[in-house]
Amino acid sequence: MSTITVYGIPNCNSVKKALDWYKKNNIQIDFVDYKKYGIKAEKLKEWCDLVGWEVLLNKKSTTWRSLSVEEQQLVKNEKVAIQLMIQYPSIIKRPVIEMNGKLVVGLNEDYFSL
């Protein structure tokens, strides 16, 4: 079985639900707290190639809403979005789940076990 890696922030309700689902179903996962350890540009680029930066960037988040209108308007391409996600990892939609070369972004139990 492939390794499943869940990325997120442990105090996020969506991440908690995902982690609880895996635990309840006795599925071993690796968890990466990207707020604590950060996230590398290479990993974000990889994710953007799979799903697009628009999917990863959570424009409904408190972090996004706390940015000035000018800062928000600067985010018009992948390069700027990646820099913003590195600077503010809590702006990344969560959880991000990697398994079998696929990526799931956001909470959707139907896709936890790709």
N, C-alpha and C. Protein backbone atom coordinates (compact mmCIF):
# COMPACT_ATOMS: atom_id res chain seq x y z
N MET A 1 0.84 -1.19 0.00
CA MET A 1 0.00 0.00 0.00
C MET A 1 0.88 1.24 0.00
N SER A 2 0.47 2.23 -0.73
CA SER A 2 1.22 3.47 -0.82
C SER A 2 1.10 4.27 0.47
N THR A 3 2.10 5.12 0.67
CA THR A 3 2.05 6.02 1.81
C THR A 3 1.06 7.13 1.52
N ILE A 4 0.26 7.44 2.51
CA ILE A 4 -0.68 8.55 2.43
C ILE A 4 -0.11 9.66 3.29
N THR A 5 0.01 10.83 2.71
CA THR A 5 0.49 11.98 3.46
C THR A 5 -0.60 13.03 3.50
N VAL A 6 -0.92 13.46 4.71
CA VAL A 6 -1.92 14.50 4.91
C VAL A 6 -1.17 15.75 5.37
N TYR A 7 -1.40 16.84 4.66
CA TYR A 7 -0.78 18.13 4.98
C TYR A 7 -1.86 19.04 5.53
N GLY A 8 -1.51 19.81 6.54
CA GLY A 8 -2.48 20.75 7.08
C GLY A 8 -2.01 21.34 8.39
N ILE A 9 -2.98 21.82 9.13
CA ILE A 9 -2.77 22.45 10.43
C ILE A 9 -3.60 21.66 11.43
N PRO A 10 -2.99 21.17 12.52
CA PRO A 10 -3.70 20.24 13.40
C PRO A 10 -4.95 20.81 14.08
N ASN A 11 -5.04 22.12 14.24
CA ASN A 11 -6.22 22.68 14.90
C ASN A 11 -7.33 23.03 13.93
N CYS A 12 -7.16 22.72 12.65
CA CYS A 12 -8.18 22.97 11.62
C CYS A 12 -9.23 21.87 11.69
N ASN A 13 -10.51 22.24 11.72
CA ASN A 13 -11.58 21.25 11.82
C ASN A 13 -11.58 20.27 10.66
N SER A 14 -11.33 20.73 9.45
CA SER A 14 -11.30 19.84 8.29
C SER A 14 -10.16 18.83 8.39
N VAL A 15 -9.02 19.28 8.85
CA VAL A 15 -7.87 18.39 9.03
C VAL A 15 -8.18 17.39 10.13
N LYS A 16 -8.76 17.85 11.23
CA LYS A 16 -9.13 16.94 12.32
C LYS A 16 -10.07 15.85 11.83
N LYS A 17 -11.05 16.22 11.03
CA LYS A 17 -12.00 15.24 10.50
C LYS A 17 -11.30 14.21 9.62
N ALA A 18 -10.38 14.68 8.78
CA ALA A 18 -9.64 13.76 7.92
C ALA A 18 -8.79 12.81 8.76
N LEU A 19 -8.06 13.34 9.73
CA LEU A 19 -7.20 12.51 10.57
C LEU A 19 -8.03 11.51 11.37
N ASP A 20 -9.17 11.96 11.88
CA ASP A 20 -10.06 11.06 12.62
C ASP A 20 -10.59 9.95 11.71
N TRP A 21 -10.92 10.27 10.46
CA TRP A 21 -11.42 9.28 9.51
C TRP A 21 -10.37 8.19 9.28
N TYR A 22 -9.12 8.60 9.06
CA TYR A 22 -8.06 7.63 8.85
C TYR A 22 -7.85 6.76 10.08
N LYS A 23 -7.87 7.39 11.25
CA LYS A 23 -7.68 6.63 12.49
C LYS A 23 -8.81 5.62 12.68
N LYS A 24 -10.05 6.06 12.48
CA LYS A 24 -11.22 5.19 12.63
C LYS A 24 -11.15 4.00 11.68
N ASN A 25 -10.60 4.20 10.51
CA ASN A 25 -10.50 3.15 9.50
C ASN A 25 -9.16 2.41 9.52
N ASN A 26 -8.39 2.64 10.59
CA ASN A 26 -7.10 1.96 10.79
C ASN A 26 -6.17 2.08 9.58
N ILE A 27 -6.11 3.28 9.02
CA ILE A 27 -5.25 3.55 7.88
C ILE A 27 -4.09 4.41 8.37
N GLN A 28 -2.89 3.89 8.17
CA GLN A 28 -1.67 4.60 8.58
C GLN A 28 -1.40 5.76 7.62
N ILE A 29 -1.15 6.92 8.16
CA ILE A 29 -0.83 8.10 7.36
C ILE A 29 0.37 8.82 7.95
N ASP A 30 0.99 9.64 7.15
CA ASP A 30 2.00 10.59 7.63
C ASP A 30 1.31 11.95 7.65
N PHE A 31 1.54 12.70 8.72
CA PHE A 31 0.94 14.04 8.83
C PHE A 31 2.04 15.08 8.82
N VAL A 32 1.87 16.10 8.00
CA VAL A 32 2.82 17.22 7.92
C VAL A 32 2.09 18.49 8.30
N ASP A 33 2.52 19.09 9.40
CA ASP A 33 1.97 20.36 9.86
C ASP A 33 2.73 21.48 9.15
N TYR A 34 2.16 21.99 8.06
CA TYR A 34 2.91 22.98 7.29
C TYR A 34 2.90 24.36 7.91
N LYS A 35 2.13 24.57 8.92
CA LYS A 35 2.24 25.85 9.63
C LYS A 35 3.46 25.81 10.55
N LYS A 36 3.70 24.64 11.14
CA LYS A 36 4.84 24.49 12.04
C LYS A 36 6.16 24.34 11.29
N TYR A 37 6.15 23.53 10.23
CA TYR A 37 7.39 23.22 9.51
C TYR A 37 7.55 23.98 8.20
N GLY A 38 6.51 24.68 7.79
CA GLY A 38 6.57 25.39 6.52
C GLY A 38 6.31 24.45 5.36
N ILE A 39 6.33 25.02 4.18
CA ILE A 39 6.11 24.25 2.96
C ILE A 39 7.06 24.81 1.91
N LYS A 40 7.69 23.94 1.18
CA LYS A 40 8.68 24.36 0.19
C LYS A 40 8.01 24.74 -1.14
N ALA A 41 8.63 25.67 -1.83
CA ALA A 41 8.13 26.11 -3.13
C ALA A 41 8.01 24.94 -4.10
N GLU A 42 8.96 24.00 -4.02
CA GLU A 42 8.95 22.84 -4.93
C GLU A 42 7.69 22.00 -4.72
N LYS A 43 7.30 21.81 -3.47
CA LYS A 43 6.10 21.02 -3.17
C LYS A 43 4.86 21.76 -3.66
N LEU A 44 4.80 23.06 -3.43
CA LEU A 44 3.65 23.84 -3.89
C LEU A 44 3.57 23.83 -5.42
N LYS A 45 4.72 23.90 -6.09
CA LYS A 45 4.74 23.85 -7.56
C LYS A 45 4.21 22.50 -8.04
N GLU A 46 4.64 21.44 -7.38
CA GLU A 46 4.16 20.09 -7.71
C GLU A 46 2.64 20.02 -7.58
N TRP A 47 2.13 20.56 -6.48
CA TRP A 47 0.67 20.56 -6.26
C TRP A 47 -0.03 21.41 -7.31
N CYS A 48 0.54 22.57 -7.62
CA CYS A 48 -0.06 23.45 -8.64
C CYS A 48 -0.13 22.74 -9.99
N ASP A 49 0.91 21.97 -10.31
CA ASP A 49 0.91 21.23 -11.56
C ASP A 49 -0.22 20.19 -11.59
N LEU A 50 -0.57 19.66 -10.42
CA LEU A 50 -1.62 18.63 -10.35
C LEU A 50 -3.04 19.21 -10.33
N VAL A 51 -3.23 20.30 -9.55
CA VAL A 51 -4.60 20.80 -9.36
C VAL A 51 -4.79 22.27 -9.69
N GLY A 52 -3.70 23.01 -9.87
CA GLY A 52 -3.81 24.45 -10.13
C GLY A 52 -3.73 25.27 -8.86
N TRP A 53 -3.09 26.41 -8.96
CA TRP A 53 -2.91 27.26 -7.78
C TRP A 53 -4.24 27.80 -7.26
N GLU A 54 -5.20 27.97 -8.16
CA GLU A 54 -6.50 28.51 -7.76
C GLU A 54 -7.23 27.58 -6.79
N VAL A 55 -6.99 26.27 -6.92
CA VAL A 55 -7.60 25.29 -6.02
C VAL A 55 -6.92 25.33 -4.65
N LEU A 56 -5.61 25.49 -4.64
CA LEU A 56 -4.85 25.48 -3.39
C LEU A 56 -5.03 26.74 -2.55
N LEU A 57 -5.17 27.86 -3.20
CA LEU A 57 -5.28 29.13 -2.49
C LEU A 57 -6.69 29.31 -1.96
N ASN A 58 -6.82 29.36 -0.64
CA ASN A 58 -8.13 29.44 -0.01
C ASN A 58 -8.54 30.90 0.17
N LYS A 59 -9.32 31.40 -0.77
CA LYS A 59 -9.76 32.79 -0.73
C LYS A 59 -10.92 33.00 0.24
N LYS A 60 -11.37 31.94 0.90
CA LYS A 60 -12.42 32.08 1.92
C LYS A 60 -11.81 32.10 3.33
N SER A 61 -10.49 31.95 3.40
CA SER A 61 -9.83 31.85 4.71
C SER A 61 -9.75 33.21 5.41
N THR A 62 -9.59 33.13 6.70
CA THR A 62 -9.37 34.32 7.52
C THR A 62 -8.09 35.02 7.08
N THR A 63 -7.08 34.23 6.75
CA THR A 63 -5.80 34.80 6.33
C THR A 63 -5.97 35.62 5.05
N TRP A 64 -6.69 35.07 4.06
CA TRP A 64 -6.94 35.81 2.82
C TRP A 64 -7.69 37.11 3.11
N ARG A 65 -8.72 37.01 3.93
CA ARG A 65 -9.54 38.20 4.24
C ARG A 65 -8.76 39.24 5.02
N SER A 66 -7.71 38.81 5.73
CA SER A 66 -6.90 39.78 6.49
C SER A 66 -5.90 40.53 5.61
N LEU A 67 -5.69 40.06 4.38
CA LEU A 67 -4.80 40.77 3.46
C LEU A 67 -5.48 42.04 2.97
N SER A 68 -4.68 43.03 2.63
CA SER A 68 -5.24 44.25 2.06
C SER A 68 -5.76 43.93 0.65
N VAL A 69 -6.66 44.77 0.17
CA VAL A 69 -7.20 44.60 -1.18
C VAL A 69 -6.05 44.65 -2.19
N GLU A 70 -5.08 45.51 -1.93
CA GLU A 70 -3.93 45.62 -2.83
C GLU A 70 -3.14 44.31 -2.88
N GLU A 71 -2.92 43.69 -1.71
CA GLU A 71 -2.21 42.41 -1.66
C GLU A 71 -3.00 41.32 -2.40
N GLN A 72 -4.29 41.29 -2.20
CA GLN A 72 -5.14 40.30 -2.87
C GLN A 72 -5.08 40.47 -4.38
N GLN A 73 -5.10 41.70 -4.83
CA GLN A 73 -5.11 41.96 -6.27
C GLN A 73 -3.80 41.59 -6.96
N LEU A 74 -2.71 41.46 -6.20
CA LEU A 74 -1.43 41.07 -6.76
C LEU A 74 -1.37 39.59 -7.13
N VAL A 75 -2.29 38.78 -6.56
CA VAL A 75 -2.27 37.33 -6.76
C VAL A 75 -3.01 37.01 -8.06
N LYS A 76 -2.25 37.03 -9.15
CA LYS A 76 -2.84 36.81 -10.47
C LYS A 76 -2.20 35.66 -11.22
N ASN A 77 -1.18 35.03 -10.59
CA ASN A 77 -0.52 33.92 -11.27
C ASN A 77 0.07 32.95 -10.24
N GLU A 78 0.52 31.82 -10.74
CA GLU A 78 1.04 30.76 -9.88
C GLU A 78 2.24 31.22 -9.05
N LYS A 79 3.16 31.93 -9.67
CA LYS A 79 4.38 32.35 -8.97
C LYS A 79 4.05 33.21 -7.75
N VAL A 80 3.18 34.17 -7.91
CA VAL A 80 2.79 35.05 -6.80
C VAL A 80 2.00 34.25 -5.75
N ALA A 81 1.14 33.37 -6.20
CA ALA A 81 0.34 32.54 -5.28
C ALA A 81 1.24 31.65 -4.43
N ILE A 82 2.24 31.05 -5.05
CA ILE A 82 3.17 30.19 -4.30
C ILE A 82 3.93 30.99 -3.26
N GLN A 83 4.41 32.17 -3.62
CA GLN A 83 5.11 33.02 -2.65
C GLN A 83 4.20 33.37 -1.47
N LEU A 84 2.93 33.66 -1.76
CA LEU A 84 1.97 33.98 -0.70
C LEU A 84 1.73 32.77 0.19
N MET A 85 1.61 31.57 -0.40
CA MET A 85 1.37 30.35 0.39
C MET A 85 2.57 29.99 1.25
N ILE A 86 3.78 30.32 0.78
CA ILE A 86 4.98 30.11 1.59
C ILE A 86 4.97 31.07 2.77
N GLN A 87 4.63 32.31 2.50
CA GLN A 87 4.61 33.33 3.55
C GLN A 87 3.50 33.09 4.56
N TYR A 88 2.34 32.65 4.08
CA TYR A 88 1.17 32.42 4.93
C TYR A 88 0.62 31.01 4.68
N PRO A 89 1.24 29.97 5.25
CA PRO A 89 0.79 28.61 4.96
C PRO A 89 -0.67 28.34 5.35
N SER A 90 -1.21 29.12 6.27
CA SER A 90 -2.61 28.91 6.64
C SER A 90 -3.58 29.35 5.55
N ILE A 91 -3.06 29.94 4.48
CA ILE A 91 -3.91 30.34 3.36
C ILE A 91 -4.11 29.19 2.36
N ILE A 92 -3.40 28.07 2.59
CA ILE A 92 -3.55 26.89 1.74
C ILE A 92 -4.81 26.13 2.18
N LYS A 93 -5.65 25.80 1.21
CA LYS A 93 -6.85 25.04 1.52
C LYS A 93 -6.45 23.71 2.13
N ARG A 94 -7.22 23.21 3.08
CA ARG A 94 -6.85 22.00 3.78
C ARG A 94 -8.03 21.07 4.00
N PRO A 95 -7.68 19.81 4.21
CA PRO A 95 -6.36 19.20 4.13
C PRO A 95 -5.93 19.01 2.68
N VAL A 96 -4.63 18.79 2.50
CA VAL A 96 -4.09 18.37 1.22
C VAL A 96 -3.61 16.94 1.44
N ILE A 97 -4.12 16.01 0.62
CA ILE A 97 -3.82 14.59 0.81
C ILE A 97 -3.14 14.06 -0.45
N GLU A 98 -1.95 13.48 -0.25
CA GLU A 98 -1.21 12.86 -1.35
C GLU A 98 -1.27 11.35 -1.20
N MET A 99 -1.59 10.67 -2.32
CA MET A 99 -1.57 9.21 -2.33
C MET A 99 -1.60 8.73 -3.77
N ASN A 100 -0.75 7.76 -4.06
CA ASN A 100 -0.71 7.14 -5.40
C ASN A 100 -0.53 8.17 -6.51
N GLY A 101 0.27 9.21 -6.27
CA GLY A 101 0.51 10.20 -7.29
C GLY A 101 -0.66 11.14 -7.52
N LYS A 102 -1.67 11.04 -6.68
CA LYS A 102 -2.85 11.91 -6.81
C LYS A 102 -2.90 12.86 -5.63
N LEU A 103 -3.70 13.90 -5.81
CA LEU A 103 -3.81 14.93 -4.79
C LEU A 103 -5.28 15.27 -4.58
N VAL A 104 -5.68 15.31 -3.31
CA VAL A 104 -7.02 15.73 -2.95
C VAL A 104 -6.87 16.97 -2.08
N VAL A 105 -7.60 18.01 -2.43
CA VAL A 105 -7.53 19.27 -1.69
C VAL A 105 -8.90 19.55 -1.10
N GLY A 106 -8.95 19.71 0.22
CA GLY A 106 -10.21 19.98 0.89
C GLY A 106 -10.79 18.70 1.48
N LEU A 107 -11.83 18.87 2.26
CA LEU A 107 -12.44 17.76 2.97
C LEU A 107 -13.48 17.07 2.11
N ASN A 108 -13.21 15.82 1.75
CA ASN A 108 -14.15 15.02 0.99
C ASN A 108 -13.85 13.56 1.31
N GLU A 109 -14.63 12.96 2.22
CA GLU A 109 -14.36 11.60 2.68
C GLU A 109 -14.38 10.60 1.54
N ASP A 110 -15.09 10.88 0.46
CA ASP A 110 -15.13 9.95 -0.68
C ASP A 110 -13.75 9.76 -1.29
N TYR A 111 -12.86 10.70 -1.09
CA TYR A 111 -11.55 10.64 -1.73
C TYR A 111 -10.41 10.38 -0.76
N PHE A 112 -10.69 10.13 0.51
CA PHE A 112 -9.64 9.91 1.48
C PHE A 112 -8.79 8.70 1.13
N SER A 113 -9.38 7.70 0.52
CA SER A 113 -8.64 6.45 0.27
C SER A 113 -8.50 6.18 -1.22
N LEU A 114 -7.94 7.13 -1.93
CA LEU A 114 -7.69 6.98 -3.36
C LEU A 114 -6.98 5.68 -3.60
